[in-house]
């Protein structure tokens, strides 16, 4: 059971620039990238992540919240433990956003005259 409602990430919806900026901010930290790397293999409990990353639980909680608020991680409570996993829908949207950037960068574009 997740502690917060999931973001609306239906496949037909195009991610906004604001959402993309939120994802890049969340992923723009080495510790958060390490967390993502840890949960790529399987869902991880906070206590396991604390050990894997050799960090304090309070600092880890801050990073987990940042990733969760951006929609990159899902959480699941099982008794007193919270388990985190990647949100495949958010990753699909990030992939779609980057794919659109890649596609547009390959298209020839007109040169606009400036300052005439």
N, C-alpha and C. Protein backbone atom coordinates (compact mmCIF):
# COMPACT_ATOMS: atom_id res chain seq x y z
N UNK A 1 0.85 -1.17 0.00
CA UNK A 1 0.00 0.00 0.00
C UNK A 1 0.90 1.23 0.00
N UNK A 2 0.64 2.14 -0.91
CA UNK A 2 1.43 3.36 -1.00
C UNK A 2 0.86 4.40 -0.04
N UNK A 3 1.74 5.22 0.52
CA UNK A 3 1.29 6.21 1.49
C UNK A 3 0.77 7.49 0.85
N UNK A 4 0.92 7.62 -0.46
CA UNK A 4 0.43 8.81 -1.16
C UNK A 4 -0.18 8.38 -2.48
N UNK A 5 -1.14 9.17 -3.00
CA UNK A 5 -1.74 8.80 -4.26
C UNK A 5 -0.71 8.85 -5.38
N UNK A 6 -0.83 7.93 -6.32
CA UNK A 6 0.09 7.89 -7.46
C UNK A 6 -0.17 9.06 -8.39
N UNK A 7 0.89 9.50 -9.03
CA UNK A 7 0.73 10.58 -10.00
C UNK A 7 0.02 10.04 -11.23
N UNK A 8 -0.67 10.93 -11.95
CA UNK A 8 -1.37 10.53 -13.17
C UNK A 8 -0.34 10.37 -14.28
N UNK A 9 0.05 9.12 -14.54
CA UNK A 9 1.06 8.85 -15.55
C UNK A 9 0.50 7.93 -16.63
N UNK A 10 -0.69 8.26 -17.14
CA UNK A 10 -1.26 7.42 -18.18
C UNK A 10 -0.41 7.57 -19.45
N UNK A 11 -0.24 6.47 -20.20
CA UNK A 11 0.64 6.49 -21.37
C UNK A 11 0.25 7.51 -22.43
N UNK A 12 -1.01 7.93 -22.47
CA UNK A 12 -1.43 8.88 -23.50
C UNK A 12 -1.11 10.33 -23.15
N UNK A 13 -0.71 10.56 -21.91
CA UNK A 13 -0.42 11.92 -21.46
C UNK A 13 1.04 12.25 -21.70
N UNK A 14 1.29 13.46 -22.21
CA UNK A 14 2.65 13.92 -22.47
C UNK A 14 3.17 14.63 -21.23
N UNK A 15 4.38 14.27 -20.78
CA UNK A 15 4.92 14.93 -19.58
C UNK A 15 5.18 16.41 -19.84
N UNK A 16 4.91 17.22 -18.84
CA UNK A 16 5.16 18.65 -18.97
C UNK A 16 6.62 18.96 -18.69
N UNK A 17 7.04 20.15 -19.08
CA UNK A 17 8.40 20.58 -18.78
C UNK A 17 8.62 20.65 -17.28
N UNK A 18 7.58 21.04 -16.55
CA UNK A 18 7.68 21.11 -15.09
C UNK A 18 7.95 19.72 -14.49
N UNK A 19 7.26 18.70 -15.00
CA UNK A 19 7.49 17.34 -14.53
C UNK A 19 8.90 16.88 -14.88
N UNK A 20 9.32 17.15 -16.10
CA UNK A 20 10.67 16.75 -16.53
C UNK A 20 11.72 17.43 -15.65
N UNK A 21 11.53 18.71 -15.36
CA UNK A 21 12.48 19.42 -14.49
C UNK A 21 12.51 18.79 -13.10
N UNK A 22 11.36 18.37 -12.61
CA UNK A 22 11.29 17.71 -11.30
C UNK A 22 12.07 16.40 -11.32
N UNK A 23 11.95 15.64 -12.39
CA UNK A 23 12.68 14.38 -12.50
C UNK A 23 14.18 14.62 -12.55
N UNK A 24 14.59 15.59 -13.36
CA UNK A 24 16.02 15.85 -13.48
C UNK A 24 16.61 16.39 -12.17
N UNK A 25 15.84 17.22 -11.46
CA UNK A 25 16.30 17.70 -10.14
C UNK A 25 16.46 16.51 -9.19
N UNK A 26 15.48 15.63 -9.20
CA UNK A 26 15.53 14.47 -8.30
C UNK A 26 16.69 13.55 -8.66
N UNK A 27 17.00 13.42 -9.93
CA UNK A 27 18.07 12.53 -10.36
C UNK A 27 19.43 13.22 -10.39
N UNK A 28 19.46 14.51 -10.11
CA UNK A 28 20.69 15.29 -10.20
C UNK A 28 21.54 15.25 -8.94
N UNK A 29 21.45 14.19 -8.18
CA UNK A 29 22.22 14.06 -6.96
C UNK A 29 22.82 12.65 -6.92
N UNK A 30 24.09 12.55 -6.61
CA UNK A 30 24.77 11.25 -6.64
C UNK A 30 24.14 10.25 -5.67
N UNK A 31 23.76 10.68 -4.50
CA UNK A 31 23.13 9.77 -3.53
C UNK A 31 21.81 9.23 -4.08
N UNK A 32 21.02 10.11 -4.68
CA UNK A 32 19.73 9.66 -5.23
C UNK A 32 19.94 8.71 -6.41
N UNK A 33 20.98 8.94 -7.20
CA UNK A 33 21.28 8.00 -8.29
C UNK A 33 21.71 6.65 -7.72
N UNK A 34 22.42 6.66 -6.62
CA UNK A 34 22.80 5.40 -5.97
C UNK A 34 21.57 4.66 -5.45
N UNK A 35 20.60 5.41 -4.93
CA UNK A 35 19.35 4.79 -4.47
C UNK A 35 18.64 4.14 -5.65
N UNK A 36 18.56 4.86 -6.75
CA UNK A 36 17.91 4.31 -7.96
C UNK A 36 18.63 3.05 -8.40
N UNK A 37 19.95 3.09 -8.37
CA UNK A 37 20.74 1.91 -8.74
C UNK A 37 20.41 0.73 -7.82
N UNK A 38 20.27 0.98 -6.54
CA UNK A 38 19.95 -0.09 -5.58
C UNK A 38 18.58 -0.70 -5.83
N UNK A 39 17.60 0.11 -6.17
CA UNK A 39 16.24 -0.42 -6.35
C UNK A 39 15.99 -0.92 -7.77
N UNK A 40 16.98 -0.75 -8.66
CA UNK A 40 16.83 -1.28 -10.03
C UNK A 40 16.73 -2.80 -10.01
N UNK A 41 17.45 -3.42 -9.10
CA UNK A 41 17.49 -4.88 -9.04
C UNK A 41 16.23 -5.43 -8.40
N UNK A 42 15.85 -4.85 -7.27
CA UNK A 42 14.64 -5.30 -6.57
C UNK A 42 14.23 -4.25 -5.56
N UNK A 43 13.02 -4.39 -5.10
CA UNK A 43 12.50 -3.51 -4.06
C UNK A 43 13.42 -3.59 -2.84
N UNK A 44 13.61 -2.43 -2.18
CA UNK A 44 14.53 -2.37 -1.04
C UNK A 44 13.84 -1.74 0.16
N UNK A 45 14.13 -2.28 1.33
CA UNK A 45 13.66 -1.72 2.59
C UNK A 45 14.59 -0.57 2.99
N UNK A 46 14.05 0.39 3.70
CA UNK A 46 14.86 1.53 4.16
C UNK A 46 16.07 1.06 4.94
N UNK A 47 15.89 0.06 5.81
CA UNK A 47 17.02 -0.40 6.62
C UNK A 47 18.12 -1.00 5.73
N UNK A 48 17.75 -1.70 4.67
CA UNK A 48 18.75 -2.25 3.75
C UNK A 48 19.46 -1.14 2.98
N UNK A 49 18.70 -0.13 2.54
CA UNK A 49 19.31 0.99 1.82
C UNK A 49 20.29 1.74 2.72
N UNK A 50 19.94 1.88 4.00
CA UNK A 50 20.83 2.55 4.94
C UNK A 50 22.17 1.81 5.01
N UNK A 51 22.12 0.49 5.06
CA UNK A 51 23.34 -0.32 5.10
C UNK A 51 24.09 -0.27 3.77
N UNK A 52 23.37 -0.43 2.66
CA UNK A 52 24.00 -0.44 1.34
C UNK A 52 24.72 0.87 1.03
N UNK A 53 24.13 1.98 1.46
CA UNK A 53 24.69 3.29 1.13
C UNK A 53 25.53 3.87 2.26
N UNK A 54 25.63 3.15 3.37
CA UNK A 54 26.40 3.62 4.53
C UNK A 54 26.06 5.06 4.89
N UNK A 55 24.76 5.30 5.09
CA UNK A 55 24.30 6.64 5.40
C UNK A 55 23.32 6.59 6.57
N UNK A 56 23.07 7.74 7.13
CA UNK A 56 22.11 7.84 8.24
C UNK A 56 20.69 7.78 7.69
N UNK A 57 19.81 7.22 8.50
CA UNK A 57 18.42 7.05 8.08
C UNK A 57 17.74 8.38 7.81
N UNK A 58 18.05 9.42 8.57
CA UNK A 58 17.40 10.72 8.37
C UNK A 58 17.78 11.33 7.02
N UNK A 59 19.04 11.21 6.63
CA UNK A 59 19.49 11.73 5.33
C UNK A 59 18.89 10.90 4.20
N UNK A 60 18.86 9.59 4.39
CA UNK A 60 18.28 8.71 3.39
C UNK A 60 16.79 9.02 3.19
N UNK A 61 16.08 9.27 4.27
CA UNK A 61 14.65 9.60 4.19
C UNK A 61 14.41 10.85 3.35
N UNK A 62 15.28 11.84 3.51
CA UNK A 62 15.17 13.07 2.70
C UNK A 62 15.29 12.74 1.21
N UNK A 63 16.29 11.94 0.85
CA UNK A 63 16.50 11.59 -0.56
C UNK A 63 15.37 10.71 -1.09
N UNK A 64 14.89 9.78 -0.29
CA UNK A 64 13.77 8.93 -0.71
C UNK A 64 12.52 9.76 -0.94
N UNK A 65 12.26 10.72 -0.08
CA UNK A 65 11.10 11.60 -0.25
C UNK A 65 11.21 12.40 -1.53
N UNK A 66 12.40 12.90 -1.83
CA UNK A 66 12.61 13.67 -3.07
C UNK A 66 12.30 12.81 -4.29
N UNK A 67 12.80 11.59 -4.30
CA UNK A 67 12.54 10.68 -5.43
C UNK A 67 11.07 10.28 -5.50
N UNK A 68 10.46 10.06 -4.36
CA UNK A 68 9.05 9.69 -4.33
C UNK A 68 8.16 10.85 -4.78
N UNK A 69 8.45 12.06 -4.30
CA UNK A 69 7.67 13.24 -4.69
C UNK A 69 7.77 13.51 -6.19
N UNK A 70 8.91 13.17 -6.79
CA UNK A 70 9.08 13.34 -8.23
C UNK A 70 8.37 12.22 -9.01
N UNK A 71 7.92 11.20 -8.29
CA UNK A 71 7.21 10.09 -8.94
C UNK A 71 8.13 8.99 -9.45
N UNK A 72 9.41 9.07 -9.12
CA UNK A 72 10.38 8.09 -9.61
C UNK A 72 10.32 6.79 -8.79
N UNK A 73 10.00 6.90 -7.51
CA UNK A 73 9.89 5.72 -6.65
C UNK A 73 8.47 5.51 -6.17
N UNK A 74 8.13 4.25 -5.98
CA UNK A 74 6.90 3.85 -5.29
C UNK A 74 7.31 3.36 -3.91
N UNK A 75 6.40 3.46 -2.97
CA UNK A 75 6.67 2.88 -1.65
C UNK A 75 5.54 1.96 -1.25
N UNK A 76 5.89 1.01 -0.40
CA UNK A 76 4.93 0.02 0.08
C UNK A 76 5.25 -0.24 1.54
N UNK A 77 4.23 -0.12 2.38
CA UNK A 77 4.41 -0.35 3.82
C UNK A 77 4.02 -1.80 4.13
N UNK A 78 4.88 -2.46 4.91
CA UNK A 78 4.61 -3.81 5.37
C UNK A 78 4.92 -3.83 6.86
N UNK A 79 3.88 -3.66 7.68
CA UNK A 79 4.08 -3.54 9.11
C UNK A 79 4.82 -2.24 9.42
N UNK A 80 5.94 -2.34 10.09
CA UNK A 80 6.69 -1.13 10.42
C UNK A 80 7.75 -0.78 9.38
N UNK A 81 7.89 -1.60 8.35
CA UNK A 81 8.90 -1.38 7.33
C UNK A 81 8.30 -0.75 6.08
N UNK A 82 9.10 0.09 5.42
CA UNK A 82 8.69 0.69 4.15
C UNK A 82 9.66 0.20 3.08
N UNK A 83 9.11 -0.29 1.99
CA UNK A 83 9.90 -0.80 0.87
C UNK A 83 9.74 0.13 -0.33
N UNK A 84 10.83 0.36 -1.04
CA UNK A 84 10.84 1.26 -2.19
C UNK A 84 11.18 0.49 -3.46
N UNK A 85 10.53 0.90 -4.55
CA UNK A 85 10.79 0.31 -5.87
C UNK A 85 10.67 1.41 -6.91
N UNK A 86 11.22 1.15 -8.09
CA UNK A 86 11.12 2.11 -9.19
C UNK A 86 9.69 2.15 -9.71
N UNK A 87 9.26 3.32 -10.11
CA UNK A 87 7.95 3.49 -10.74
C UNK A 87 8.16 3.38 -12.25
N UNK A 88 7.77 2.25 -12.85
CA UNK A 88 8.03 2.05 -14.28
C UNK A 88 7.32 3.08 -15.16
N UNK A 89 6.18 3.59 -14.72
CA UNK A 89 5.47 4.60 -15.51
C UNK A 89 6.27 5.90 -15.60
N UNK A 90 6.86 6.31 -14.49
CA UNK A 90 7.68 7.53 -14.49
C UNK A 90 8.89 7.36 -15.37
N UNK A 91 9.51 6.18 -15.31
CA UNK A 91 10.68 5.93 -16.15
C UNK A 91 10.29 5.91 -17.63
N UNK A 92 9.11 5.39 -17.94
CA UNK A 92 8.64 5.40 -19.33
C UNK A 92 8.43 6.83 -19.81
N UNK A 93 7.89 7.69 -18.95
CA UNK A 93 7.70 9.09 -19.33
C UNK A 93 9.03 9.80 -19.52
N UNK A 94 9.99 9.51 -18.67
CA UNK A 94 11.32 10.11 -18.80
C UNK A 94 11.96 9.66 -20.12
N UNK A 95 11.81 8.39 -20.43
CA UNK A 95 12.32 7.85 -21.68
C UNK A 95 11.62 8.53 -22.87
N UNK A 96 10.32 8.73 -22.76
CA UNK A 96 9.56 9.40 -23.83
C UNK A 96 10.05 10.83 -24.01
N UNK A 97 10.24 11.54 -22.90
CA UNK A 97 10.70 12.92 -22.96
C UNK A 97 12.07 13.00 -23.63
N UNK A 98 13.00 12.15 -23.21
CA UNK A 98 14.33 12.16 -23.79
C UNK A 98 14.30 11.72 -25.26
N UNK A 99 13.43 10.78 -25.59
CA UNK A 99 13.27 10.35 -26.98
C UNK A 99 12.79 11.49 -27.87
N UNK A 100 11.87 12.29 -27.34
CA UNK A 100 11.37 13.45 -28.10
C UNK A 100 12.49 14.46 -28.32
N UNK A 101 13.28 14.70 -27.29
CA UNK A 101 14.43 15.62 -27.44
C UNK A 101 15.39 15.10 -28.50
N UNK A 102 15.67 13.83 -28.46
CA UNK A 102 16.60 13.22 -29.41
C UNK A 102 16.06 13.35 -30.83
N UNK A 103 14.78 13.05 -31.00
CA UNK A 103 14.14 13.12 -32.31
C UNK A 103 14.17 14.54 -32.87
N UNK A 104 13.83 15.51 -32.03
CA UNK A 104 13.79 16.90 -32.47
C UNK A 104 15.18 17.44 -32.78
N UNK A 105 16.20 16.92 -32.10
CA UNK A 105 17.55 17.42 -32.35
C UNK A 105 18.08 16.94 -33.70
N UNK A 106 17.50 15.90 -34.23
CA UNK A 106 17.94 15.36 -35.52
C UNK A 106 17.21 15.99 -36.71
N UNK A 107 16.12 16.67 -36.46
CA UNK A 107 15.35 17.28 -37.54
C UNK A 107 16.00 18.61 -37.93
N UNK A 108 16.10 18.84 -39.24
CA UNK A 108 16.62 20.14 -39.66
C UNK A 108 15.64 21.24 -39.25
N UNK A 109 16.15 22.34 -38.86
CA UNK A 109 15.30 23.43 -38.44
C UNK A 109 15.70 24.68 -39.19
N UNK A 110 14.74 25.56 -39.36
CA UNK A 110 14.97 26.81 -40.09
C UNK A 110 15.78 27.78 -39.26
N UNK A 111 16.59 28.55 -39.95
CA UNK A 111 17.36 29.57 -39.28
C UNK A 111 16.53 30.84 -39.21
N UNK A 112 16.38 31.34 -38.04
CA UNK A 112 15.59 32.53 -37.83
C UNK A 112 16.51 33.74 -37.78
N UNK A 113 16.18 34.76 -38.55
CA UNK A 113 16.97 35.97 -38.50
C UNK A 113 16.61 36.73 -37.24
N UNK A 114 17.62 37.26 -36.64
CA UNK A 114 17.43 37.93 -35.37
C UNK A 114 17.98 39.35 -35.46
N UNK A 115 17.35 40.24 -34.77
CA UNK A 115 17.85 41.59 -34.59
C UNK A 115 18.00 42.38 -35.88
N UNK A 116 17.07 42.22 -36.79
CA UNK A 116 17.11 43.02 -38.03
C UNK A 116 16.46 44.36 -37.85
